[in-house]
Amino acid sequence: MEIVNVIIAAVAGFALGAVWYNVLGSAWMDAVGIERDANGKPKGGPSPAVMAMTFVMQLVVAGMMRHVFELGGIDTLGKGIVAGIGVGLFFISPWIAINNANAGRPVQLSAIDGGYATLACAVMGFVLVLF
């Protein structure tokens, strides 16, 4: 049954990303430098291949979080949320910031992407201990 938890956690993280980047889409596109069409949407629209890869990567993160939670005895909602925040804030976000800094990207991009990583990992942590 653990694989079901991982899949549900990945879906939850992916869904949060849809909301997060819908709300912060304009600021994110400005920070990345994405060209927009007349409607303010990215030219060419979202790539199905990128969306599929994004979901697969969500599965990888959720699967590893489940493994670490099992090893660490993280089994309550509070522990799951706090551990998820820790993963997002102290593992994923710094790596995003390193990559963006080396690519000459604005700090705002790291804040947007790191904020998403932190909240998504918190949601995944919640889901992983919920069932």
Foldseek 3Di string as FASTA:
>chain_A
DLLVLLLVLLVQLLVLVVVLCVVCVQVLCVQVVFDADPVRAGPPHDDPVVSVVSSVVSSVVLVVLLVVCVVVVQADLVSLLVVLLCCLQPPVLVVLVVVCVVVVTDVVNSVSVSVSSNVSSSSSSNSSNVD
